Amino acid sequence: MRYSILIVISLCTLLSAEHTPPRGNATFPISKTSFKLMTKDGFKIVDLKGEKIVVVSVREPGSDGRFYAINEEGNIWKTGPVTSGAEKYRSPSGIFTIFQKKRFHMSNAYPDPSGVNNMDYMMKFTRFGHALHKGSVDWMSHGCIHIDPKDVVELFDWTDYRTKVVVTRHSYIPFAVKDLQATDKAAIFPFNILDEFFSAN
């Protein structure tokens, strides 16, 4: 009997562990800082102008996706490749707020057998444990957003507990083009995704 109770508790803990993959709310970019958020009652427009925003566009052409860091002035100052959750662990779409940051962190649900931290520079944005964090952009995650090691330190230092995280399954490039053209494209956008975008449109 005691073992049965322990098994039930263990299963409940596993089911509620970090990275449980809620589907979230479909989110469509409609401008650089405005988004259409689908809800059970229809949709609403959310304007994040004047706030720090990290837009994560998964399935962006040329990679699994990209992040775009937008400052309070509405300028994209950094972008880089990401990977998100594999289909079984799909990252949730929606608009979230970073509520926990840890420089060093090991996943509770998926600890690395070697004992090496696997979620360093963790910026958590859902109660299920989804976070932006340092990770390889060569393979998919259990639901988190992997930020390339060359980008994550600067992003971690810039974000705070008011920073919004927008996860969308739609392309954000059309709203980023002007900013990216005005900067050193080779430095901020190391892949030729802008060239791909212009050739397709």
N, C-alpha and C. Protein backbone atom coordinates (compact mmCIF):
# COMPACT_ATOMS: atom_id res chain seq x y z
N MET A 1 0.83 -1.20 0.00
CA MET A 1 0.00 0.00 0.00
C MET A 1 0.87 1.26 0.00
N ARG A 2 1.88 1.23 0.89
CA ARG A 2 2.77 2.39 0.98
C ARG A 2 3.48 2.64 -0.33
N TYR A 3 3.90 1.56 -1.01
CA TYR A 3 4.59 1.70 -2.29
C TYR A 3 3.65 2.22 -3.38
N SER A 4 2.38 1.81 -3.32
CA SER A 4 1.39 2.31 -4.28
C SER A 4 1.21 3.82 -4.14
N ILE A 5 1.15 4.29 -2.91
CA ILE A 5 1.00 5.72 -2.66
C ILE A 5 2.22 6.48 -3.18
N LEU A 6 3.41 5.92 -2.94
CA LEU A 6 4.63 6.56 -3.43
C LEU A 6 4.66 6.64 -4.94
N ILE A 7 4.19 5.57 -5.60
CA ILE A 7 4.16 5.57 -7.07
C ILE A 7 3.20 6.64 -7.58
N VAL A 8 2.02 6.75 -6.96
CA VAL A 8 1.04 7.76 -7.36
C VAL A 8 1.61 9.16 -7.17
N ILE A 9 2.25 9.40 -6.02
CA ILE A 9 2.86 10.72 -5.76
C ILE A 9 3.95 11.01 -6.77
N SER A 10 4.76 10.01 -7.09
CA SER A 10 5.84 10.19 -8.06
C SER A 10 5.28 10.54 -9.44
N LEU A 11 4.21 9.85 -9.85
CA LEU A 11 3.59 10.13 -11.16
C LEU A 11 3.01 11.54 -11.20
N CYS A 12 2.36 11.95 -10.11
CA CYS A 12 1.79 13.31 -10.06
C CYS A 12 2.90 14.35 -10.13
N THR A 13 3.99 14.10 -9.44
CA THR A 13 5.13 15.02 -9.48
C THR A 13 5.70 15.10 -10.88
N LEU A 14 5.84 13.95 -11.53
CA LEU A 14 6.39 13.92 -12.88
C LEU A 14 5.48 14.69 -13.85
N LEU A 15 4.16 14.49 -13.70
CA LEU A 15 3.22 15.15 -14.61
C LEU A 15 3.19 16.66 -14.43
N SER A 16 3.52 17.13 -13.20
CA SER A 16 3.49 18.57 -12.96
C SER A 16 4.89 19.17 -12.99
N ALA A 17 5.89 18.38 -13.40
CA ALA A 17 7.27 18.84 -13.38
C ALA A 17 7.51 19.91 -14.43
N GLU A 18 8.66 20.58 -14.31
CA GLU A 18 8.97 21.63 -15.26
C GLU A 18 9.02 21.08 -16.68
N HIS A 19 8.66 21.91 -17.61
CA HIS A 19 8.62 21.60 -19.04
C HIS A 19 7.39 20.81 -19.45
N THR A 20 6.38 20.66 -18.57
CA THR A 20 5.12 20.09 -19.03
C THR A 20 4.63 20.97 -20.18
N PRO A 21 4.31 20.39 -21.33
CA PRO A 21 4.13 21.22 -22.53
C PRO A 21 2.71 21.72 -22.80
N PRO A 22 2.28 22.79 -22.13
CA PRO A 22 0.99 23.36 -22.52
C PRO A 22 1.10 23.93 -23.92
N ARG A 23 -0.01 23.95 -24.65
CA ARG A 23 0.01 24.48 -26.01
C ARG A 23 0.02 26.00 -26.02
N GLY A 24 -0.54 26.63 -25.01
CA GLY A 24 -0.54 28.08 -24.95
C GLY A 24 -1.60 28.70 -25.85
N ASN A 25 -1.45 30.00 -26.09
CA ASN A 25 -2.39 30.76 -26.91
C ASN A 25 -1.71 31.20 -28.19
N ALA A 26 -2.33 30.93 -29.33
CA ALA A 26 -1.76 31.35 -30.61
C ALA A 26 -1.52 32.86 -30.57
N THR A 27 -0.34 33.26 -31.00
CA THR A 27 0.08 34.66 -30.91
C THR A 27 0.63 35.10 -32.26
N PHE A 28 0.08 36.18 -32.79
CA PHE A 28 0.45 36.66 -34.12
C PHE A 28 1.07 38.06 -34.01
N PRO A 29 2.29 38.26 -34.50
CA PRO A 29 2.82 39.63 -34.52
C PRO A 29 2.08 40.46 -35.55
N ILE A 30 1.69 41.68 -35.17
CA ILE A 30 1.02 42.57 -36.12
C ILE A 30 1.79 43.89 -36.30
N SER A 31 2.79 44.11 -35.45
CA SER A 31 3.74 45.20 -35.61
C SER A 31 4.96 44.82 -34.78
N LYS A 32 5.92 45.72 -34.70
CA LYS A 32 7.13 45.37 -33.96
C LYS A 32 6.84 45.10 -32.49
N THR A 33 5.87 45.81 -31.91
CA THR A 33 5.60 45.66 -30.47
C THR A 33 4.16 45.28 -30.16
N SER A 34 3.34 45.00 -31.19
CA SER A 34 1.95 44.63 -30.96
C SER A 34 1.68 43.21 -31.45
N PHE A 35 0.80 42.52 -30.72
CA PHE A 35 0.54 41.12 -31.01
C PHE A 35 -0.95 40.82 -30.84
N LYS A 36 -1.46 39.95 -31.71
CA LYS A 36 -2.83 39.46 -31.57
C LYS A 36 -2.75 38.15 -30.81
N LEU A 37 -3.41 38.12 -29.67
CA LEU A 37 -3.38 36.94 -28.79
C LEU A 37 -4.75 36.28 -28.83
N MET A 38 -4.80 35.05 -29.32
CA MET A 38 -6.07 34.31 -29.37
C MET A 38 -6.43 33.84 -27.97
N THR A 39 -7.69 33.99 -27.61
CA THR A 39 -8.18 33.53 -26.31
C THR A 39 -9.44 32.70 -26.52
N LYS A 40 -9.95 32.13 -25.47
CA LYS A 40 -11.17 31.31 -25.61
C LYS A 40 -12.37 32.17 -25.99
N ASP A 41 -12.28 33.47 -25.76
CA ASP A 41 -13.37 34.39 -26.10
C ASP A 41 -13.15 35.11 -27.43
N GLY A 42 -12.16 34.72 -28.18
CA GLY A 42 -11.85 35.39 -29.45
C GLY A 42 -10.39 35.78 -29.51
N PHE A 43 -10.13 37.07 -29.63
CA PHE A 43 -8.75 37.53 -29.60
C PHE A 43 -8.67 38.92 -29.02
N LYS A 44 -7.49 39.28 -28.56
CA LYS A 44 -7.27 40.65 -28.08
C LYS A 44 -5.92 41.12 -28.61
N ILE A 45 -5.77 42.42 -28.74
CA ILE A 45 -4.53 43.03 -29.18
C ILE A 45 -3.75 43.46 -27.95
N VAL A 46 -2.49 43.06 -27.88
CA VAL A 46 -1.62 43.43 -26.76
C VAL A 46 -0.50 44.30 -27.30
N ASP A 47 -0.40 45.51 -26.81
CA ASP A 47 0.64 46.44 -27.24
C ASP A 47 1.69 46.53 -26.14
N LEU A 48 2.92 46.15 -26.46
CA LEU A 48 4.00 46.13 -25.48
C LEU A 48 4.97 47.29 -25.68
N LYS A 49 4.53 48.32 -26.37
CA LYS A 49 5.39 49.48 -26.62
C LYS A 49 5.90 50.06 -25.30
N GLY A 50 7.18 50.39 -25.26
CA GLY A 50 7.78 50.96 -24.07
C GLY A 50 8.30 49.93 -23.09
N GLU A 51 8.18 48.64 -23.42
CA GLU A 51 8.66 47.58 -22.52
C GLU A 51 9.82 46.83 -23.15
N LYS A 52 10.61 46.18 -22.30
CA LYS A 52 11.62 45.25 -22.80
C LYS A 52 10.90 43.99 -23.27
N ILE A 53 11.24 43.53 -24.47
CA ILE A 53 10.58 42.35 -25.03
C ILE A 53 11.61 41.42 -25.63
N VAL A 54 11.44 40.13 -25.40
CA VAL A 54 12.19 39.11 -26.14
C VAL A 54 11.17 38.34 -26.96
N VAL A 55 11.17 38.57 -28.27
CA VAL A 55 10.29 37.84 -29.17
C VAL A 55 11.01 36.57 -29.61
N VAL A 56 10.37 35.44 -29.46
CA VAL A 56 10.92 34.17 -29.93
C VAL A 56 10.00 33.67 -31.03
N SER A 57 10.52 33.66 -32.24
CA SER A 57 9.75 33.17 -33.37
C SER A 57 10.27 31.78 -33.72
N VAL A 58 9.51 30.75 -33.34
CA VAL A 58 9.94 29.39 -33.64
C VAL A 58 9.54 29.05 -35.07
N ARG A 59 10.30 28.19 -35.67
CA ARG A 59 10.12 27.79 -37.07
C ARG A 59 10.39 28.94 -38.03
N GLU A 60 11.23 29.90 -37.62
CA GLU A 60 11.63 30.98 -38.53
C GLU A 60 12.45 30.38 -39.66
N PRO A 61 12.32 30.87 -40.88
CA PRO A 61 13.10 30.31 -41.99
C PRO A 61 14.60 30.34 -41.71
N GLY A 62 15.27 29.24 -42.05
CA GLY A 62 16.72 29.18 -41.92
C GLY A 62 17.21 28.51 -40.65
N SER A 63 16.31 28.26 -39.69
CA SER A 63 16.70 27.60 -38.44
C SER A 63 15.43 27.15 -37.75
N ASP A 64 15.56 26.61 -36.54
CA ASP A 64 14.35 26.29 -35.78
C ASP A 64 13.63 27.58 -35.41
N GLY A 65 14.36 28.65 -35.25
CA GLY A 65 13.76 29.92 -34.89
C GLY A 65 14.81 30.93 -34.49
N ARG A 66 14.34 32.12 -34.11
CA ARG A 66 15.24 33.19 -33.69
C ARG A 66 14.61 33.95 -32.54
N PHE A 67 15.48 34.57 -31.73
CA PHE A 67 14.99 35.52 -30.74
C PHE A 67 15.33 36.92 -31.23
N TYR A 68 14.52 37.88 -30.81
CA TYR A 68 14.74 39.29 -31.11
C TYR A 68 14.59 40.05 -29.80
N ALA A 69 15.64 40.74 -29.36
CA ALA A 69 15.59 41.54 -28.14
C ALA A 69 15.26 42.98 -28.51
N ILE A 70 14.15 43.49 -27.97
CA ILE A 70 13.65 44.81 -28.31
C ILE A 70 13.66 45.67 -27.05
N ASN A 71 14.35 46.82 -27.11
CA ASN A 71 14.45 47.67 -25.93
C ASN A 71 13.22 48.57 -25.77
N GLU A 72 13.24 49.37 -24.70
CA GLU A 72 12.07 50.21 -24.39
C GLU A 72 11.79 51.24 -25.48
N GLU A 73 12.80 51.58 -26.24
CA GLU A 73 12.61 52.54 -27.34
C GLU A 73 12.03 51.86 -28.58
N GLY A 74 11.85 50.55 -28.53
CA GLY A 74 11.27 49.83 -29.65
C GLY A 74 12.28 49.42 -30.70
N ASN A 75 13.57 49.41 -30.35
CA ASN A 75 14.62 49.04 -31.30
C ASN A 75 15.12 47.62 -31.04
N ILE A 76 15.27 46.86 -32.10
CA ILE A 76 15.86 45.52 -31.98
C ILE A 76 17.37 45.70 -31.88
N TRP A 77 17.93 45.33 -30.75
CA TRP A 77 19.37 45.53 -30.55
C TRP A 77 20.15 44.22 -30.64
N LYS A 78 19.44 43.09 -30.59
CA LYS A 78 20.14 41.82 -30.69
C LYS A 78 19.19 40.75 -31.21
N THR A 79 19.73 39.81 -31.98
CA THR A 79 18.97 38.66 -32.44
C THR A 79 19.93 37.48 -32.57
N GLY A 80 19.38 36.29 -32.52
CA GLY A 80 20.22 35.11 -32.64
C GLY A 80 19.37 33.86 -32.80
N PRO A 81 20.00 32.76 -33.18
CA PRO A 81 19.25 31.51 -33.39
C PRO A 81 18.83 30.89 -32.07
N VAL A 82 17.75 30.12 -32.13
CA VAL A 82 17.27 29.38 -30.97
C VAL A 82 16.83 27.99 -31.42
N THR A 83 16.67 27.10 -30.48
CA THR A 83 15.87 25.89 -30.69
C THR A 83 14.82 25.85 -29.59
N SER A 84 13.69 25.23 -29.90
CA SER A 84 12.59 25.16 -28.95
C SER A 84 12.22 23.71 -28.72
N GLY A 85 11.07 23.49 -28.10
CA GLY A 85 10.69 22.13 -27.73
C GLY A 85 10.38 21.23 -28.92
N ALA A 86 10.86 20.01 -28.84
CA ALA A 86 10.49 19.00 -29.84
C ALA A 86 8.98 18.80 -29.77
N GLU A 87 8.38 18.19 -30.79
CA GLU A 87 6.92 18.12 -30.89
C GLU A 87 6.26 17.59 -29.62
N LYS A 88 6.84 16.57 -29.02
CA LYS A 88 6.26 16.00 -27.80
C LYS A 88 6.31 16.99 -26.63
N TYR A 89 7.26 17.91 -26.67
CA TYR A 89 7.47 18.87 -25.58
C TYR A 89 7.30 20.31 -26.09
N ARG A 90 6.41 20.52 -27.01
CA ARG A 90 6.32 21.78 -27.73
C ARG A 90 6.25 22.98 -26.78
N SER A 91 7.08 23.98 -27.05
CA SER A 91 7.08 25.20 -26.24
C SER A 91 5.74 25.91 -26.41
N PRO A 92 5.21 26.48 -25.32
CA PRO A 92 3.90 27.14 -25.42
C PRO A 92 4.00 28.48 -26.14
N SER A 93 2.98 28.78 -26.95
CA SER A 93 2.87 30.10 -27.55
C SER A 93 2.19 31.03 -26.54
N GLY A 94 2.47 32.33 -26.67
CA GLY A 94 1.79 33.29 -25.80
C GLY A 94 2.69 34.44 -25.41
N ILE A 95 2.18 35.24 -24.48
CA ILE A 95 2.91 36.39 -23.96
C ILE A 95 3.10 36.16 -22.47
N PHE A 96 4.35 36.16 -22.04
CA PHE A 96 4.71 35.81 -20.68
C PHE A 96 5.61 36.90 -20.08
N THR A 97 5.89 36.77 -18.79
CA THR A 97 6.82 37.69 -18.12
C THR A 97 7.87 36.87 -17.39
N ILE A 98 9.13 37.27 -17.52
CA ILE A 98 10.20 36.59 -16.78
C ILE A 98 9.98 36.84 -15.29
N PHE A 99 9.95 35.76 -14.49
CA PHE A 99 9.72 35.92 -13.05
C PHE A 99 10.80 35.27 -12.21
N GLN A 100 11.77 34.61 -12.85
CA GLN A 100 12.89 34.03 -12.10
C GLN A 100 14.11 33.99 -12.98
N LYS A 101 15.26 34.35 -12.41
CA LYS A 101 16.52 34.30 -13.13
C LYS A 101 17.56 33.63 -12.24
N LYS A 102 18.33 32.72 -12.82
CA LYS A 102 19.41 32.07 -12.07
C LYS A 102 20.61 31.90 -12.99
N ARG A 103 21.76 32.33 -12.52
CA ARG A 103 22.98 32.20 -13.31
C ARG A 103 23.36 30.73 -13.50
N PHE A 104 23.25 29.94 -12.45
CA PHE A 104 23.56 28.51 -12.51
C PHE A 104 22.29 27.73 -12.18
N HIS A 105 21.97 26.75 -13.01
CA HIS A 105 20.73 26.00 -12.74
C HIS A 105 20.78 24.63 -13.42
N MET A 106 20.28 23.63 -12.70
CA MET A 106 20.10 22.29 -13.25
C MET A 106 18.60 22.02 -13.34
N SER A 107 18.16 21.48 -14.47
CA SER A 107 16.75 21.14 -14.64
C SER A 107 16.33 20.13 -13.58
N ASN A 108 15.18 20.39 -12.94
CA ASN A 108 14.64 19.44 -11.97
C ASN A 108 14.04 18.22 -12.66
N ALA A 109 13.37 18.46 -13.80
CA ALA A 109 12.69 17.37 -14.50
C ALA A 109 13.64 16.55 -15.36
N TYR A 110 14.67 17.20 -15.92
CA TYR A 110 15.59 16.53 -16.84
C TYR A 110 17.04 16.83 -16.46
N PRO A 111 17.47 16.40 -15.27
CA PRO A 111 18.85 16.67 -14.86
C PRO A 111 19.85 15.96 -15.74
N ASP A 112 20.99 16.59 -15.94
CA ASP A 112 22.04 15.98 -16.75
C ASP A 112 22.71 14.87 -15.93
N PRO A 113 22.81 13.66 -16.47
CA PRO A 113 23.42 12.55 -15.72
C PRO A 113 24.85 12.82 -15.28
N SER A 114 25.54 13.70 -16.02
CA SER A 114 26.93 14.01 -15.67
C SER A 114 27.02 14.93 -14.46
N GLY A 115 25.88 15.52 -14.07
CA GLY A 115 25.90 16.45 -12.94
C GLY A 115 26.23 17.87 -13.34
N VAL A 116 26.46 18.10 -14.63
CA VAL A 116 26.77 19.44 -15.11
C VAL A 116 25.47 20.21 -15.32
N ASN A 117 25.43 21.46 -14.87
CA ASN A 117 24.23 22.28 -15.06
C ASN A 117 23.83 22.31 -16.52
N ASN A 118 22.54 22.18 -16.79
CA ASN A 118 22.08 22.19 -18.18
C ASN A 118 21.08 23.31 -18.46
N MET A 119 20.92 24.25 -17.51
CA MET A 119 20.02 25.40 -17.73
C MET A 119 20.65 26.69 -17.22
N ASP A 120 21.96 26.85 -17.40
CA ASP A 120 22.61 28.06 -16.93
C ASP A 120 22.06 29.29 -17.64
N TYR A 121 22.16 30.43 -16.99
CA TYR A 121 21.59 31.70 -17.47
C TYR A 121 20.09 31.53 -17.70
N MET A 122 19.44 30.93 -16.71
CA MET A 122 18.02 30.59 -16.81
C MET A 122 17.15 31.82 -16.56
N MET A 123 16.20 32.04 -17.49
CA MET A 123 15.22 33.13 -17.38
C MET A 123 13.84 32.50 -17.52
N LYS A 124 13.22 32.14 -16.39
CA LYS A 124 11.98 31.36 -16.41
C LYS A 124 10.78 32.26 -16.69
N PHE A 125 9.88 31.75 -17.58
CA PHE A 125 8.72 32.55 -17.93
C PHE A 125 7.38 31.82 -17.83
N THR A 126 7.34 30.52 -17.44
CA THR A 126 6.06 29.87 -17.14
C THR A 126 6.20 29.10 -15.83
N ARG A 127 5.06 28.87 -15.20
CA ARG A 127 5.06 28.12 -13.94
C ARG A 127 5.35 26.64 -14.16
N PHE A 128 5.32 26.20 -15.43
CA PHE A 128 5.67 24.83 -15.75
C PHE A 128 7.17 24.65 -15.90
N GLY A 129 7.94 25.72 -15.81
CA GLY A 129 9.39 25.63 -15.87
C GLY A 129 10.00 26.04 -17.19
N HIS A 130 9.20 26.48 -18.16
CA HIS A 130 9.77 26.91 -19.44
C HIS A 130 10.62 28.15 -19.23
N ALA A 131 11.77 28.16 -19.87
CA ALA A 131 12.72 29.25 -19.67
C ALA A 131 13.55 29.47 -20.93
N LEU A 132 14.06 30.68 -21.05
CA LEU A 132 15.16 30.95 -21.96
C LEU A 132 16.41 30.56 -21.20
N HIS A 133 17.32 29.84 -21.82
CA HIS A 133 18.57 29.52 -21.12
C HIS A 133 19.65 29.10 -22.11
N LYS A 134 20.85 29.05 -21.62
CA LYS A 134 21.98 28.61 -22.43
C LYS A 134 21.77 27.17 -22.88
N GLY A 135 21.97 26.93 -24.18
CA GLY A 135 21.81 25.58 -24.69
C GLY A 135 22.26 25.48 -26.13
N SER A 136 22.41 24.27 -26.58
CA SER A 136 22.81 24.05 -27.96
C SER A 136 21.67 24.39 -28.90
N VAL A 137 21.98 25.10 -29.99
CA VAL A 137 20.97 25.38 -31.00
C VAL A 137 21.04 24.36 -32.13
N ASP A 138 21.68 23.23 -31.84
CA ASP A 138 21.78 22.14 -32.81
C ASP A 138 20.74 21.05 -32.58
N TRP A 139 20.07 21.08 -31.41
CA TRP A 139 19.03 20.08 -31.18
C TRP A 139 17.89 20.68 -30.37
N MET A 140 16.72 20.04 -30.49
CA MET A 140 15.51 20.54 -29.85
C MET A 140 15.54 20.26 -28.34
N SER A 141 14.67 20.98 -27.62
CA SER A 141 14.66 20.90 -26.16
C SER A 141 13.46 20.11 -25.65
N HIS A 142 13.33 20.08 -24.31
CA HIS A 142 12.15 19.50 -23.67
C HIS A 142 11.07 20.56 -23.47
N GLY A 143 11.19 21.70 -24.13
CA GLY A 143 10.18 22.75 -24.01
C GLY A 143 10.76 24.14 -23.81
N CYS A 144 11.96 24.19 -23.29
CA CYS A 144 12.61 25.49 -23.09
C CYS A 144 13.08 26.07 -24.42
N ILE A 145 13.51 27.32 -24.38
CA ILE A 145 14.09 27.99 -25.53
C ILE A 145 15.59 28.03 -25.32
N HIS A 146 16.33 27.29 -26.15
CA HIS A 146 17.79 27.30 -26.08
C HIS A 146 18.33 28.56 -26.75
N ILE A 147 19.15 29.30 -26.02
CA ILE A 147 19.84 30.47 -26.56
C ILE A 147 21.30 30.09 -26.74
N ASP A 148 21.85 30.43 -27.90
CA ASP A 148 23.24 30.11 -28.20
C ASP A 148 24.17 30.68 -27.12
N PRO A 149 25.19 29.91 -26.69
CA PRO A 149 26.11 30.40 -25.66
C PRO A 149 26.74 31.76 -25.98
N LYS A 150 26.92 32.07 -27.25
CA LYS A 150 27.53 33.36 -27.60
C LYS A 150 26.57 34.54 -27.40
N ASP A 151 25.27 34.25 -27.28
CA ASP A 151 24.27 35.31 -27.12
C ASP A 151 23.69 35.40 -25.72
N VAL A 152 23.74 34.31 -24.96
CA VAL A 152 22.92 34.22 -23.76
C VAL A 152 23.40 35.13 -22.63
N VAL A 153 24.68 35.36 -22.50
CA VAL A 153 25.18 36.18 -21.37
C VAL A 153 24.65 37.60 -21.48
N GLU A 154 24.76 38.19 -22.65
CA GLU A 154 24.31 39.56 -22.86
C GLU A 154 22.79 39.66 -22.65
N LEU A 155 22.06 38.66 -23.15
CA LEU A 155 20.61 38.66 -22.99
C LEU A 155 20.22 38.53 -21.51
N PHE A 156 20.90 37.65 -20.80
CA PHE A 156 20.64 37.43 -19.38
C PHE A 156 20.87 38.72 -18.59
N ASP A 157 21.98 39.40 -18.88
CA ASP A 157 22.30 40.64 -18.17
C ASP A 157 21.28 41.74 -18.45
N TRP A 158 20.70 41.74 -19.64
CA TRP A 158 19.78 42.79 -20.05
C TRP A 158 18.37 42.60 -19.52
N THR A 159 17.90 41.37 -19.42
CA THR A 159 16.52 41.11 -18.98
C THR A 159 16.34 41.39 -17.50
N ASP A 160 15.10 41.65 -17.11
CA ASP A 160 14.75 41.80 -15.70
C ASP A 160 13.40 41.16 -15.46
N TYR A 161 12.85 41.37 -14.25
CA TYR A 161 11.61 40.70 -13.89
C TYR A 161 10.36 41.36 -14.48
N ARG A 162 10.54 42.34 -15.33
CA ARG A 162 9.42 42.93 -16.06
C ARG A 162 9.49 42.60 -17.55
N THR A 163 10.57 41.97 -17.98
CA THR A 163 10.76 41.68 -19.40
C THR A 163 9.71 40.70 -19.90
N LYS A 164 9.08 41.06 -21.00
CA LYS A 164 8.08 40.18 -21.61
C LYS A 164 8.76 39.20 -22.57
N VAL A 165 8.26 37.97 -22.60
CA VAL A 165 8.71 36.96 -23.55
C VAL A 165 7.49 36.61 -24.42
N VAL A 166 7.63 36.84 -25.72
CA VAL A 166 6.55 36.53 -26.66
C VAL A 166 7.00 35.35 -27.50
N VAL A 167 6.27 34.24 -27.42
CA VAL A 167 6.58 33.06 -28.22
C VAL A 167 5.51 32.94 -29.30
N THR A 168 5.95 32.96 -30.56
CA THR A 168 5.02 32.89 -31.67
C THR A 168 5.47 31.84 -32.67
N ARG A 169 4.50 31.26 -33.37
CA ARG A 169 4.81 30.31 -34.44
C ARG A 169 4.65 30.96 -35.81
N HIS A 170 4.79 32.27 -35.82
CA HIS A 170 4.69 33.03 -37.06
C HIS A 170 5.94 33.88 -37.22
N SER A 171 6.28 34.20 -38.45
CA SER A 171 7.52 34.92 -38.73
C SER A 171 7.45 36.35 -38.20
N TYR A 172 8.54 36.75 -37.57
CA TYR A 172 8.67 38.12 -37.06
C TYR A 172 9.57 38.96 -37.97
N ILE A 173 10.23 38.32 -38.92
CA ILE A 173 11.19 39.01 -39.78
C ILE A 173 10.62 40.26 -40.46
N PRO A 174 9.38 40.22 -40.99
CA PRO A 174 8.87 41.43 -41.66
C PRO A 174 8.90 42.68 -40.78
N PHE A 175 8.77 42.51 -39.46
CA PHE A 175 8.77 43.65 -38.55
C PHE A 175 10.19 44.00 -38.08
N ALA A 176 11.13 43.11 -38.34
CA ALA A 176 12.52 43.33 -37.91
C ALA A 176 13.40 43.88 -39.02
N VAL A 177 12.94 43.79 -40.27
CA VAL A 177 13.78 44.12 -41.42
C VAL A 177 14.40 45.50 -41.33
N LYS A 178 13.58 46.51 -41.01
CA LYS A 178 14.09 47.89 -41.00
C LYS A 178 15.22 48.07 -40.00
N ASP A 179 15.04 47.53 -38.78
CA ASP A 179 16.09 47.63 -37.76
C ASP A 179 17.34 46.88 -38.18
N LEU A 180 17.15 45.71 -38.74
CA LEU A 180 18.30 44.88 -39.11
C LEU A 180 19.07 45.48 -40.28
N GLN A 181 18.38 46.16 -41.18
CA GLN A 181 19.06 46.83 -42.28
C GLN A 181 19.85 48.03 -41.81
N ALA A 182 19.39 48.65 -40.71
CA ALA A 182 20.05 49.86 -40.20
C ALA A 182 21.26 49.56 -39.34
N THR A 183 21.50 48.29 -39.05
CA THR A 183 22.62 47.91 -38.20
C THR A 183 23.66 47.18 -39.04
N ASP A 184 24.72 46.77 -38.38
CA ASP A 184 25.72 45.94 -39.05
C ASP A 184 25.10 44.55 -39.18
N LYS A 185 24.51 44.30 -40.35
CA LYS A 185 23.76 43.06 -40.54
C LYS A 185 24.61 41.83 -40.27
N ALA A 186 25.86 41.86 -40.65
CA ALA A 186 26.73 40.69 -40.46
C ALA A 186 26.92 40.39 -38.99
N ALA A 187 26.93 41.44 -38.16
CA ALA A 187 27.17 41.24 -36.73
C ALA A 187 25.90 40.79 -36.01
N ILE A 188 24.76 41.45 -36.33
CA ILE A 188 23.54 41.16 -35.58
C ILE A 188 22.78 39.97 -36.15
N PHE A 189 22.97 39.70 -37.42
CA PHE A 189 22.20 38.66 -38.08
C PHE A 189 23.15 37.79 -38.90
N PRO A 190 23.88 36.88 -38.24
CA PRO A 190 24.98 36.17 -38.89
C PRO A 190 24.59 35.26 -40.04
N PHE A 191 23.30 34.87 -40.12
CA PHE A 191 22.88 34.03 -41.23
C PHE A 191 22.24 34.89 -42.31
N ASN A 192 22.08 34.35 -43.50
CA ASN A 192 21.55 35.12 -44.62
C ASN A 192 20.02 35.06 -44.69
N ILE A 193 19.37 35.16 -43.53
CA ILE A 193 17.92 35.03 -43.50
C ILE A 193 17.26 36.24 -44.15
N LEU A 194 17.86 37.42 -44.00
CA LEU A 194 17.27 38.60 -44.65
C LEU A 194 17.29 38.43 -46.16
N ASP A 195 18.40 37.88 -46.69
CA ASP A 195 18.48 37.64 -48.14
C ASP A 195 17.38 36.66 -48.56
N GLU A 196 17.16 35.62 -47.75
CA GLU A 196 16.11 34.65 -48.04
C GLU A 196 14.74 35.33 -48.02
N PHE A 197 14.55 36.22 -47.04
CA PHE A 197 13.26 36.90 -46.90
C PHE A 197 12.99 37.76 -48.15
N PHE A 198 13.99 38.54 -48.59
CA PHE A 198 13.78 39.42 -49.73
C PHE A 198 13.60 38.65 -51.02
N SER A 199 14.29 37.52 -51.15
CA SER A 199 14.14 36.73 -52.38
C SER A 199 12.77 36.06 -52.45
N ALA A 200 12.16 35.83 -51.29
CA ALA A 200 10.84 35.18 -51.25
C ALA A 200 9.70 36.17 -51.38
N ASN A 201 10.01 37.47 -51.21
CA ASN A 201 8.93 38.48 -51.25
C ASN A 201 9.13 39.47 -52.37
